[in-house]
Amino acid sequence: VSINKNEVTGLLTWTVDDKGFRIELIQLIPDFIRAIYKKHNFPDAEVERAANYCIFGTILKNTSDQHMSYRVKEWRYRAKDKDGNYAEELPVKTKTQWLDEWKKAGIIFSWTLLPDEGEFAVGDWQQGFTTVDLPRETEFDLIYRWKLDGVAHEGVIKDLKCAPEELNIPEN
């Protein structure tokens, strides 16, 4: 796992190359999420609901010489409780779940979210938002799964951290 810190914003990016699968997770602050969805005329309540999630910009890439696939519904996350023990594993929220909820709110929009599934030829990549239902600055592990030529693999990124509420950029 490679962790990079943006020297201006302080936001973190985690990158993992794992058996032909590269996953990059970039912290996104709530104001960024608000700006995206307000620009697309989401109702204020839905803008705030989305902004209250822990959201990462996610880039996935097939770095193998084989066919690669993934399904977000197979991904899980786990946070530690107040005693430092892992709580139960919970599913990552899928694009389909968001779209179903947004449709009920009268929203027809799907552009920003990581697709539920991906089928990748050699070198293919994809990006979108990954969402977990955790409070700001919570640390958690992400368990992600993918297949290479039909063979299942699993990886874990430990100690991911949800973005802060806002940036703490020092004034010059």
Foldseek 3Di string as FASTA:
>chain_A
DDWDADPFQRWIKDWDDDPQKIKIWTADALVVQLVVVVVVVQPPVVSVVVSQWQKTKMKMWGQDQFKKKFFQQPKWKWFADPVRHTDDTDGWDALVNVCVVVVVVVDDDRPAAWHRMDIDHHGDMDIHMTTDNDGAFTFMKMWTWMDTVRHIDIDIDGGDTGHHNGTDGDDD
